[in-house]
Amino acid sequence: MKAFVSLGFSKDEIDAIHNITAASIHCGELILDNSTFDDGKNAAPVSIKNMKQMELICSLLGIKDVPGFVTELVNKGAIAGIKGRTPEKPS
């Protein structure tokens, strides 16, 4: 903490660093369920089993739209010329 202060970090910047670090650590605790994945006609992504963990991560990052963040996390970005999003293949 002394190093942050001596380097001129503000309290808000220090808090942001702590929140990002904590959120990153909590991401390792997410449990993904790839049994819900379907890249066929129904196109369903993997799901997150422990949503309370995701809510905590979003809270730490200041993200208010938890379902929207989950959608971004478990789906690929839209391909040029194609509307919507497609499920990301589980690894």
PDB file of N, CA and C in Angstrom:
ATOM      1  N   MET A   1       0.828  -1.179   0.000  1.00  0.00           N
ATOM      2  CA  MET A   1       0.000   0.000   0.000  1.00  0.00           C
ATOM      3  C   MET A   1       0.882   1.257   0.000  1.00  0.00           C
ATOM      4  N   LYS A   2       1.985   1.187   0.715  1.00  0.00           N
ATOM      5  CA  LYS A   2       2.890   2.338   0.740  1.00  0.00           C
ATOM      6  C   LYS A   2       3.433   2.622  -0.655  1.00  0.00           C
ATOM      7  N   ALA A   3       3.704   1.558  -1.419  1.00  0.00           N
ATOM      8  CA  ALA A   3       4.229   1.734  -2.780  1.00  0.00           C
ATOM      9  C   ALA A   3       3.192   2.419  -3.674  1.00  0.00           C
ATOM     10  N   PHE A   4       1.926   2.005  -3.549  1.00  0.00           N
ATOM     11  CA  PHE A   4       0.872   2.672  -4.328  1.00  0.00           C
ATOM     12  C   PHE A   4       0.853   4.164  -4.033  1.00  0.00           C
ATOM     13  N   VAL A   5       0.886   4.501  -2.760  1.00  0.00           N
ATOM     14  CA  VAL A   5       0.836   5.911  -2.353  1.00  0.00           C
ATOM     15  C   VAL A   5       2.077   6.649  -2.833  1.00  0.00           C
ATOM     16  N   SER A   6       3.242   6.040  -2.660  1.00  0.00           N
ATOM     17  CA  SER A   6       4.470   6.722  -3.077  1.00  0.00           C
ATOM     18  C   SER A   6       4.551   6.890  -4.594  1.00  0.00           C
ATOM     19  N   LEU A   7       3.863   6.015  -5.337  1.00  0.00           N
ATOM     20  CA  LEU A   7       3.828   6.154  -6.798  1.00  0.00           C
ATOM     21  C   LEU A   7       2.728   7.096  -7.273  1.00  0.00           C
ATOM     22  N   GLY A   8       1.936   7.596  -6.336  1.00  0.00           N
ATOM     23  CA  GLY A   8       0.939   8.605  -6.684  1.00  0.00           C
ATOM     24  C   GLY A   8      -0.424   8.069  -7.084  1.00  0.00           C
ATOM     25  N   PHE A   9      -0.710   6.801  -6.777  1.00  0.00           N
ATOM     26  CA  PHE A   9      -2.028   6.247  -7.078  1.00  0.00           C
ATOM     27  C   PHE A   9      -3.068   6.854  -6.142  1.00  0.00           C
ATOM     28  N   SER A  10      -4.226   7.181  -6.687  1.00  0.00           N
ATOM     29  CA  SER A  10      -5.321   7.698  -5.856  1.00  0.00           C
ATOM     30  C   SER A  10      -6.029   6.526  -5.167  1.00  0.00           C
ATOM     31  N   LYS A  11      -6.850   6.834  -4.161  1.00  0.00           N
ATOM     32  CA  LYS A  11      -7.609   5.792  -3.478  1.00  0.00           C
ATOM     33  C   LYS A  11      -8.521   5.061  -4.463  1.00  0.00           C
ATOM     34  N   ASP A  12      -9.153   5.787  -5.380  1.00  0.00           N
ATOM     35  CA  ASP A  12     -10.022   5.158  -6.382  1.00  0.00           C
ATOM     36  C   ASP A  12      -9.240   4.211  -7.295  1.00  0.00           C
ATOM     37  N   GLU A  13      -8.050   4.608  -7.680  1.00  0.00           N
ATOM     38  CA  GLU A  13      -7.220   3.743  -8.522  1.00  0.00           C
ATOM     39  C   GLU A  13      -6.788   2.487  -7.773  1.00  0.00           C
ATOM     40  N   ILE A  14      -6.426   2.645  -6.514  1.00  0.00           N
ATOM     41  CA  ILE A  14      -6.032   1.490  -5.697  1.00  0.00           C
ATOM     42  C   ILE A  14      -7.211   0.544  -5.525  1.00  0.00           C
ATOM     43  N   ASP A  15      -8.391   1.105  -5.243  1.00  0.00           N
ATOM     44  CA  ASP A  15      -9.598   0.273  -5.099  1.00  0.00           C
ATOM     45  C   ASP A  15      -9.893  -0.473  -6.392  1.00  0.00           C
ATOM     46  N   ALA A  16      -9.743   0.201  -7.541  1.00  0.00           N
ATOM     47  CA  ALA A  16      -9.999  -0.435  -8.838  1.00  0.00           C
ATOM     48  C   ALA A  16      -9.032  -1.595  -9.070  1.00  0.00           C
ATOM     49  N   ILE A  17      -7.770  -1.419  -8.725  1.00  0.00           N
ATOM     50  CA  ILE A  17      -6.769  -2.487  -8.879  1.00  0.00           C
ATOM     51  C   ILE A  17      -7.148  -3.673  -8.007  1.00  0.00           C
ATOM     52  N   HIS A  18      -7.548  -3.411  -6.782  1.00  0.00           N
ATOM     53  CA  HIS A  18      -7.957  -4.495  -5.880  1.00  0.00           C
ATOM     54  C   HIS A  18      -9.194  -5.221  -6.413  1.00  0.00           C
ATOM     55  N   ASN A  19     -10.165  -4.467  -6.913  1.00  0.00           N
ATOM     56  CA  ASN A  19     -11.390  -5.083  -7.444  1.00  0.00           C
ATOM     57  C   ASN A  19     -11.114  -5.937  -8.675  1.00  0.00           C
ATOM     58  N   ILE A  20     -10.282  -5.446  -9.574  1.00  0.00           N
ATOM     59  CA  ILE A  20      -9.940  -6.209 -10.780  1.00  0.00           C
ATOM     60  C   ILE A  20      -9.186  -7.484 -10.401  1.00  0.00           C
ATOM     61  N   THR A  21      -8.270  -7.369  -9.459  1.00  0.00           N
ATOM     62  CA  THR A  21      -7.513  -8.538  -9.007  1.00  0.00           C
ATOM     63  C   THR A  21      -8.444  -9.571  -8.371  1.00  0.00           C
ATOM     64  N   ALA A  22      -9.335  -9.110  -7.491  1.00  0.00           N
ATOM     65  CA  ALA A  22     -10.275 -10.025  -6.831  1.00  0.00           C
ATOM     66  C   ALA A  22     -11.201 -10.676  -7.852  1.00  0.00           C
ATOM     67  N   ALA A  23     -11.708  -9.899  -8.818  1.00  0.00           N
ATOM     68  CA  ALA A  23     -12.600 -10.450  -9.845  1.00  0.00           C
ATOM     69  C   ALA A  23     -11.873 -11.516 -10.667  1.00  0.00           C
ATOM     70  N   SER A  24     -10.607 -11.266 -10.987  1.00  0.00           N
ATOM     71  CA  SER A  24      -9.821 -12.244 -11.758  1.00  0.00           C
ATOM     72  C   SER A  24      -9.668 -13.547 -10.997  1.00  0.00           C
ATOM     73  N   ILE A  25      -9.422 -13.451  -9.709  1.00  0.00           N
ATOM     74  CA  ILE A  25      -9.283 -14.655  -8.885  1.00  0.00           C
ATOM     75  C   ILE A  25     -10.615 -15.400  -8.817  1.00  0.00           C
ATOM     76  N   HIS A  26     -11.711 -14.668  -8.652  1.00  0.00           N
ATOM     77  CA  HIS A  26     -13.034 -15.298  -8.566  1.00  0.00           C
ATOM     78  C   HIS A  26     -13.445 -15.953  -9.892  1.00  0.00           C
ATOM     79  N   CYS A  27     -12.931 -15.464 -11.012  1.00  0.00           N
ATOM     80  CA  CYS A  27     -13.235 -16.095 -12.311  1.00  0.00           C
ATOM     81  C   CYS A  27     -12.772 -17.556 -12.325  1.00  0.00           C
ATOM     82  N   GLY A  28     -11.706 -17.847 -11.620  1.00  0.00           N
ATOM     83  CA  GLY A  28     -11.210 -19.216 -11.545  1.00  0.00           C
ATOM     84  C   GLY A  28     -12.146 -20.142 -10.782  1.00  0.00           C
ATOM     85  N   GLU A  29     -13.095 -19.564 -10.069  1.00  0.00           N
ATOM     86  CA  GLU A  29     -14.058 -20.351  -9.296  1.00  0.00           C
ATOM     87  C   GLU A  29     -15.359 -20.620 -10.065  1.00  0.00           C
ATOM     88  N   LEU A  30     -15.496 -20.050 -11.257  1.00  0.00           N
ATOM     89  CA  LEU A  30     -16.708 -20.280 -12.046  1.00  0.00           C
ATOM     90  C   LEU A  30     -16.795 -21.741 -12.468  1.00  0.00           C
ATOM     91  N   ILE A  31     -17.987 -22.289 -12.416  1.00  0.00           N
ATOM     92  CA  ILE A  31     -18.214 -23.671 -12.843  1.00  0.00           C
ATOM     93  C   ILE A  31     -19.079 -23.630 -14.095  1.00  0.00           C
ATOM     94  N   LEU A  32     -18.505 -24.049 -15.215  1.00  0.00           N
ATOM     95  CA  LEU A  32     -19.225 -24.064 -16.482  1.00  0.00           C
ATOM     96  C   LEU A  32     -19.817 -25.445 -16.721  1.00  0.00           C
ATOM     97  N   ASP A  33     -21.046 -25.465 -17.216  1.00  0.00           N
ATOM     98  CA  ASP A  33     -21.732 -26.722 -17.520  1.00  0.00           C
ATOM     99  C   ASP A  33     -21.840 -26.837 -19.031  1.00  0.00           C
ATOM    100  N   ASN A  34     -20.964 -27.643 -19.636  1.00  0.00           N
ATOM    101  CA  ASN A  34     -20.994 -27.753 -21.097  1.00  0.00           C
ATOM    102  C   ASN A  34     -22.024 -28.770 -21.581  1.00  0.00           C
ATOM    103  N   SER A  35     -22.794 -29.375 -20.665  1.00  0.00           N
ATOM    104  CA  SER A  35     -23.865 -30.277 -21.102  1.00  0.00           C
ATOM    105  C   SER A  35     -25.004 -29.492 -21.746  1.00  0.00           C
ATOM    106  N   THR A  36     -25.048 -28.183 -21.514  1.00  0.00           N
ATOM    107  CA  THR A  36     -26.091 -27.351 -22.119  1.00  0.00           C
ATOM    108  C   THR A  36     -25.689 -26.853 -23.508  1.00  0.00           C
ATOM    109  N   PHE A  37     -24.436 -27.112 -23.911  1.00  0.00           N
ATOM    110  CA  PHE A  37     -23.943 -26.624 -25.202  1.00  0.00           C
ATOM    111  C   PHE A  37     -24.579 -27.380 -26.355  1.00  0.00           C
ATOM    112  N   ASP A  38     -25.001 -26.626 -27.349  1.00  0.00           N
ATOM    113  CA  ASP A  38     -25.561 -27.190 -28.576  1.00  0.00           C
ATOM    114  C   ASP A  38     -25.247 -26.210 -29.698  1.00  0.00           C
ATOM    115  N   ASP A  39     -24.372 -26.600 -30.618  1.00  0.00           N
ATOM    116  CA  ASP A  39     -24.048 -25.695 -31.726  1.00  0.00           C
ATOM    117  C   ASP A  39     -24.849 -26.033 -32.974  1.00  0.00           C
ATOM    118  N   GLY A  40     -25.855 -26.863 -32.811  1.00  0.00           N
ATOM    119  CA  GLY A  40     -26.708 -27.240 -33.933  1.00  0.00           C
ATOM    120  C   GLY A  40     -27.837 -26.257 -34.148  1.00  0.00           C
ATOM    121  N   LYS A  41     -28.976 -26.763 -34.537  1.00  0.00           N
ATOM    122  CA  LYS A  41     -30.125 -25.931 -34.878  1.00  0.00           C
ATOM    123  C   LYS A  41     -30.607 -25.071 -33.707  1.00  0.00           C
ATOM    124  N   ASN A  42     -30.537 -25.601 -32.475  1.00  0.00           N
ATOM    125  CA  ASN A  42     -31.013 -24.861 -31.307  1.00  0.00           C
ATOM    126  C   ASN A  42     -29.993 -23.859 -30.776  1.00  0.00           C
ATOM    127  N   ALA A  43     -28.738 -24.035 -31.111  1.00  0.00           N
ATOM    128  CA  ALA A  43     -27.650 -23.124 -30.749  1.00  0.00           C
ATOM    129  C   ALA A  43     -27.757 -22.598 -29.327  1.00  0.00           C
ATOM    130  N   ALA A  44     -27.375 -23.415 -28.366  1.00  0.00           N
ATOM    131  CA  ALA A  44     -27.386 -23.019 -26.960  1.00  0.00           C
ATOM    132  C   ALA A  44     -25.953 -23.030 -26.419  1.00  0.00           C
ATOM    133  N   PRO A  45     -25.586 -22.006 -25.638  1.00  0.00           N
ATOM    134  CA  PRO A  45     -24.229 -21.946 -25.097  1.00  0.00           C
ATOM    135  C   PRO A  45     -24.072 -22.807 -23.844  1.00  0.00           C
ATOM    136  N   VAL A  46     -22.838 -22.906 -23.370  1.00  0.00           N
ATOM    137  CA  VAL A  46     -22.614 -23.513 -22.064  1.00  0.00           C
ATOM    138  C   VAL A  46     -23.308 -22.624 -21.037  1.00  0.00           C
ATOM    139  N   SER A  47     -23.575 -23.180 -19.864  1.00  0.00           N
ATOM    140  CA  SER A  47     -24.193 -22.369 -18.825  1.00  0.00           C
ATOM    141  C   SER A  47     -23.259 -22.284 -17.622  1.00  0.00           C
ATOM    142  N   ILE A  48     -23.533 -21.355 -16.766  1.00  0.00           N
ATOM    143  CA  ILE A  48     -22.741 -21.169 -15.556  1.00  0.00           C
ATOM    144  C   ILE A  48     -23.539 -21.737 -14.395  1.00  0.00           C
ATOM    145  N   LYS A  49     -22.946 -22.687 -13.686  1.00  0.00           N
ATOM    146  CA  LYS A  49     -23.653 -23.363 -12.594  1.00  0.00           C
ATOM    147  C   LYS A  49     -23.749 -22.512 -11.335  1.00  0.00           C
ATOM    148  N   ASN A  50     -22.729 -21.740 -11.031  1.00  0.00           N
ATOM    149  CA  ASN A  50     -22.722 -20.960  -9.801  1.00  0.00           C
ATOM    150  C   ASN A  50     -22.869 -19.465 -10.103  1.00  0.00           C
ATOM    151  N   MET A  51     -24.104 -19.065 -10.348  1.00  0.00           N
ATOM    152  CA  MET A  51     -24.395 -17.674 -10.723  1.00  0.00           C
ATOM    153  C   MET A  51     -24.075 -16.682  -9.604  1.00  0.00           C
ATOM    154  N   LYS A  52     -24.109 -17.126  -8.360  1.00  0.00           N
ATOM    155  CA  LYS A  52     -23.737 -16.219  -7.250  1.00  0.00           C
ATOM    156  C   LYS A  52     -22.290 -15.761  -7.430  1.00  0.00           C
ATOM    157  N   GLN A  53     -21.431 -16.659  -7.896  1.00  0.00           N
ATOM    158  CA  GLN A  53     -20.031 -16.311  -8.156  1.00  0.00           C
ATOM    159  C   GLN A  53     -19.964 -15.262  -9.270  1.00  0.00           C
ATOM    160  N   MET A  54     -20.765 -15.457 -10.322  1.00  0.00           N
ATOM    161  CA  MET A  54     -20.791 -14.489 -11.424  1.00  0.00           C
ATOM    162  C   MET A  54     -21.316 -13.143 -10.942  1.00  0.00           C
ATOM    163  N   GLU A  55     -22.318 -13.158 -10.088  1.00  0.00           N
ATOM    164  CA  GLU A  55     -22.852 -11.908  -9.539  1.00  0.00           C
ATOM    165  C   GLU A  55     -21.787 -11.171  -8.726  1.00  0.00           C
ATOM    166  N   LEU A  56     -20.988 -11.912  -7.977  1.00  0.00           N
ATOM    167  CA  LEU A  56     -19.896 -11.311  -7.207  1.00  0.00           C
ATOM    168  C   LEU A  56     -18.865 -10.688  -8.140  1.00  0.00           C
ATOM    169  N   ILE A  57     -18.495 -11.408  -9.187  1.00  0.00           N
ATOM    170  CA  ILE A  57     -17.524 -10.892 -10.160  1.00  0.00           C
ATOM    171  C   ILE A  57     -18.041  -9.600 -10.790  1.00  0.00           C
ATOM    172  N   CYS A  58     -19.295  -9.617 -11.208  1.00  0.00           N
ATOM    173  CA  CYS A  58     -19.888  -8.424 -11.817  1.00  0.00           C
ATOM    174  C   CYS A  58     -19.922  -7.260 -10.829  1.00  0.00           C
ATOM    175  N   SER A  59     -20.239  -7.559  -9.588  1.00  0.00           N
ATOM    176  CA  SER A  59     -20.266  -6.516  -8.558  1.00  0.00           C
ATOM    177  C   SER A  59     -18.881  -5.887  -8.393  1.00  0.00           C
ATOM    178  N   LEU A  60     -17.852  -6.712  -8.340  1.00  0.00           N
ATOM    179  CA  LEU A  60     -16.485  -6.204  -8.194  1.00  0.00           C
ATOM    180  C   LEU A  60     -16.074  -5.332  -9.376  1.00  0.00           C
ATOM    181  N   LEU A  61     -16.558  -5.679 -10.570  1.00  0.00           N
ATOM    182  CA  LEU A  61     -16.187  -4.941 -11.775  1.00  0.00           C
ATOM    183  C   LEU A  61     -17.136  -3.784 -12.079  1.00  0.00           C
ATOM    184  N   GLY A  62     -18.185  -3.641 -11.272  1.00  0.00           N
ATOM    185  CA  GLY A  62     -19.141  -2.559 -11.497  1.00  0.00           C
ATOM    186  C   GLY A  62     -20.082  -2.827 -12.656  1.00  0.00           C
ATOM    187  N   ILE A  63     -20.285  -4.092 -12.989  1.00  0.00           N
ATOM    188  CA  ILE A  63     -21.165  -4.477 -14.095  1.00  0.00           C
ATOM    189  C   ILE A  63     -22.562  -4.710 -13.536  1.00  0.00           C
ATOM    190  N   LYS A  64     -23.526  -3.954 -14.019  1.00  0.00           N
ATOM    191  CA  LYS A  64     -24.894  -4.054 -13.510  1.00  0.00           C
ATOM    192  C   LYS A  64     -25.726  -5.098 -14.259  1.00  0.00           C
ATOM    193  N   ASP A  65     -25.418  -5.339 -15.527  1.00  0.00           N
ATOM    194  CA  ASP A  65     -26.178  -6.267 -16.364  1.00  0.00           C
ATOM    195  C   ASP A  65     -25.522  -7.649 -16.347  1.00  0.00           C
ATOM    196  N   VAL A  66     -25.795  -8.423 -15.293  1.00  0.00           N
ATOM    197  CA  VAL A  66     -25.182  -9.748 -15.151  1.00  0.00           C
ATOM    198  C   VAL A  66     -25.564 -10.663 -16.314  1.00  0.00           C
ATOM    199  N   PRO A  67     -26.860 -10.782 -16.668  1.00  0.00           N
ATOM    200  CA  PRO A  67     -27.212 -11.655 -17.798  1.00  0.00           C
ATOM    201  C   PRO A  67     -26.522 -11.240 -19.105  1.00  0.00           C
ATOM    202  N   GLY A  68     -26.405  -9.953 -19.332  1.00  0.00           N
ATOM    203  CA  GLY A  68     -25.720  -9.471 -20.533  1.00  0.00           C
ATOM    204  C   GLY A  68     -24.249  -9.835 -20.537  1.00  0.00           C
ATOM    205  N   PHE A  69     -23.609  -9.742 -19.378  1.00  0.00           N
ATOM    206  CA  PHE A  69     -22.201 -10.112 -19.263  1.00  0.00           C
ATOM    207  C   PHE A  69     -22.018 -11.609 -19.493  1.00  0.00           C
ATOM    208  N   VAL A  70     -22.933 -12.403 -18.951  1.00  0.00           N
ATOM    209  CA  VAL A  70     -22.871 -13.855 -19.157  1.00  0.00           C
ATOM    210  C   VAL A  70     -23.005 -14.176 -20.640  1.00  0.00           C
ATOM    211  N   THR A  71     -23.917 -13.499 -21.326  1.00  0.00           N
ATOM    212  CA  THR A  71     -24.085 -13.706 -22.767  1.00  0.00           C
ATOM    213  C   THR A  71     -22.786 -13.421 -23.505  1.00  0.00           C
ATOM    214  N   GLU A  72     -22.125 -12.342 -23.149  1.00  0.00           N
ATOM    215  CA  GLU A  72     -20.854 -11.992 -23.791  1.00  0.00           C
ATOM    216  C   GLU A  72     -19.779 -13.028 -23.480  1.00  0.00           C
ATOM    217  N   LEU A  73     -19.838 -13.588 -22.289  1.00  0.00           N
ATOM    218  CA  LEU A  73     -18.823 -14.543 -21.862  1.00  0.00           C
ATOM    219  C   LEU A  73     -18.940 -15.892 -22.558  1.00  0.00           C
ATOM    220  N   VAL A  74     -20.152 -16.374 -22.772  1.00  0.00           N
ATOM    221  CA  VAL A  74     -20.347 -17.742 -23.283  1.00  0.00           C
ATOM    222  C   VAL A  74     -20.669 -17.808 -24.778  1.00  0.00           C
ATOM    223  N   ASN A  75     -20.689 -16.676 -25.448  1.00  0.00           N
ATOM    224  CA  ASN A  75     -20.973 -16.644 -26.883  1.00  0.00           C
ATOM    225  C   ASN A  75     -19.850 -15.982 -27.646  1.00  0.00           C
ATOM    226  N   LYS A  76     -19.698 -16.379 -28.900  1.00  0.00           N
ATOM    227  CA  LYS A  76     -18.737 -15.738 -29.805  1.00  0.00           C
ATOM    228  C   LYS A  76     -19.328 -14.424 -30.288  1.00  0.00           C
ATOM    229  N   GLY A  77     -18.463 -13.541 -30.679  1.00  0.00           N
ATOM    230  CA  GLY A  77     -18.913 -12.293 -31.267  1.00  0.00           C
ATOM    231  C   GLY A  77     -19.601 -12.526 -32.593  1.00  0.00           C
ATOM    232  N   ALA A  78     -20.451 -11.608 -32.961  1.00  0.00           N
ATOM    233  CA  ALA A  78     -21.158 -11.721 -34.231  1.00  0.00           C
ATOM    234  C   ALA A  78     -20.161 -11.649 -35.387  1.00  0.00           C
ATOM    235  N   ILE A  79     -20.402 -12.447 -36.399  1.00  0.00           N
ATOM    236  CA  ILE A  79     -19.563 -12.454 -37.595  1.00  0.00           C
ATOM    237  C   ILE A  79     -20.132 -11.417 -38.550  1.00  0.00           C
ATOM    238  N   ALA A  80     -19.261 -10.712 -39.242  1.00  0.00           N
ATOM    239  CA  ALA A  80     -19.708  -9.678 -40.179  1.00  0.00           C
ATOM    240  C   ALA A  80     -20.768 -10.227 -41.122  1.00  0.00           C
ATOM    241  N   GLY A  81     -21.879  -9.530 -41.222  1.00  0.00           N
ATOM    242  CA  GLY A  81     -22.950  -9.936 -42.117  1.00  0.00           C
ATOM    243  C   GLY A  81     -23.950 -10.883 -41.482  1.00  0.00           C
ATOM    244  N   ILE A  82     -23.660 -11.390 -40.278  1.00  0.00           N
ATOM    245  CA  ILE A  82     -24.576 -12.300 -39.587  1.00  0.00           C
ATOM    246  C   ILE A  82     -25.033 -11.623 -38.299  1.00  0.00           C
ATOM    247  N   LYS A  83     -26.337 -11.561 -38.119  1.00  0.00           N
ATOM    248  CA  LYS A  83     -26.864 -10.931 -36.916  1.00  0.00           C
ATOM    249  C   LYS A  83     -26.881 -11.939 -35.771  1.00  0.00           C
ATOM    250  N   GLY A  84     -26.737 -11.421 -34.567  1.00  0.00           N
ATOM    251  CA  GLY A  84     -26.822 -12.261 -33.385  1.00  0.00           C
ATOM    252  C   GLY A  84     -25.478 -12.830 -32.980  1.00  0.00           C
ATOM    253  N   ARG A  85     -25.537 -13.727 -32.023  1.00  0.00           N
ATOM    254  CA  ARG A  85     -24.322 -14.321 -31.470  1.00  0.00           C
ATOM    255  C   ARG A  85     -24.452 -15.829 -31.539  1.00  0.00           C
ATOM    256  N   THR A  86     -23.336 -16.531 -31.557  1.00  0.00           N
ATOM    257  CA  THR A  86     -23.358 -17.987 -31.598  1.00  0.00           C
ATOM    258  C   THR A  86     -22.621 -18.536 -30.390  1.00  0.00           C
ATOM    259  N   PRO A  87     -23.023 -19.701 -29.910  1.00  0.00           N
ATOM    260  CA  PRO A  87     -22.367 -20.277 -28.730  1.00  0.00           C
ATOM    261  C   PRO A  87     -20.892 -20.537 -28.983  1.00  0.00           C
ATOM    262  N   GLU A  88     -20.090 -20.253 -27.970  1.00  0.00           N
ATOM    263  CA  GLU A  88     -18.658 -20.553 -28.011  1.00  0.00           C
ATOM    264  C   GLU A  88     -18.493 -22.029 -27.691  1.00  0.00           C
ATOM    265  N   LYS A  89     -17.694 -22.748 -28.495  1.00  0.00           N
ATOM    266  CA  LYS A  89     -17.467 -24.174 -28.233  1.00  0.00           C
ATOM    267  C   LYS A  89     -16.695 -24.324 -26.923  1.00  0.00           C
ATOM    268  N   PRO A  90     -17.171 -25.235 -26.062  1.00  0.00           N
ATOM    269  CA  PRO A  90     -16.431 -25.454 -24.801  1.00  0.00           C
ATOM    270  C   PRO A  90     -15.091 -26.108 -25.093  1.00  0.00           C
ATOM    271  N   SER A  91     -14.104 -25.780 -24.287  1.00  0.00           N
ATOM    272  CA  SER A  91     -12.782 -26.384 -24.491  1.00  0.00           C
ATOM    273  C   SER A  91     -12.504 -27.436 -23.459  1.00  0.00           C
TER     274      SER A  91
END
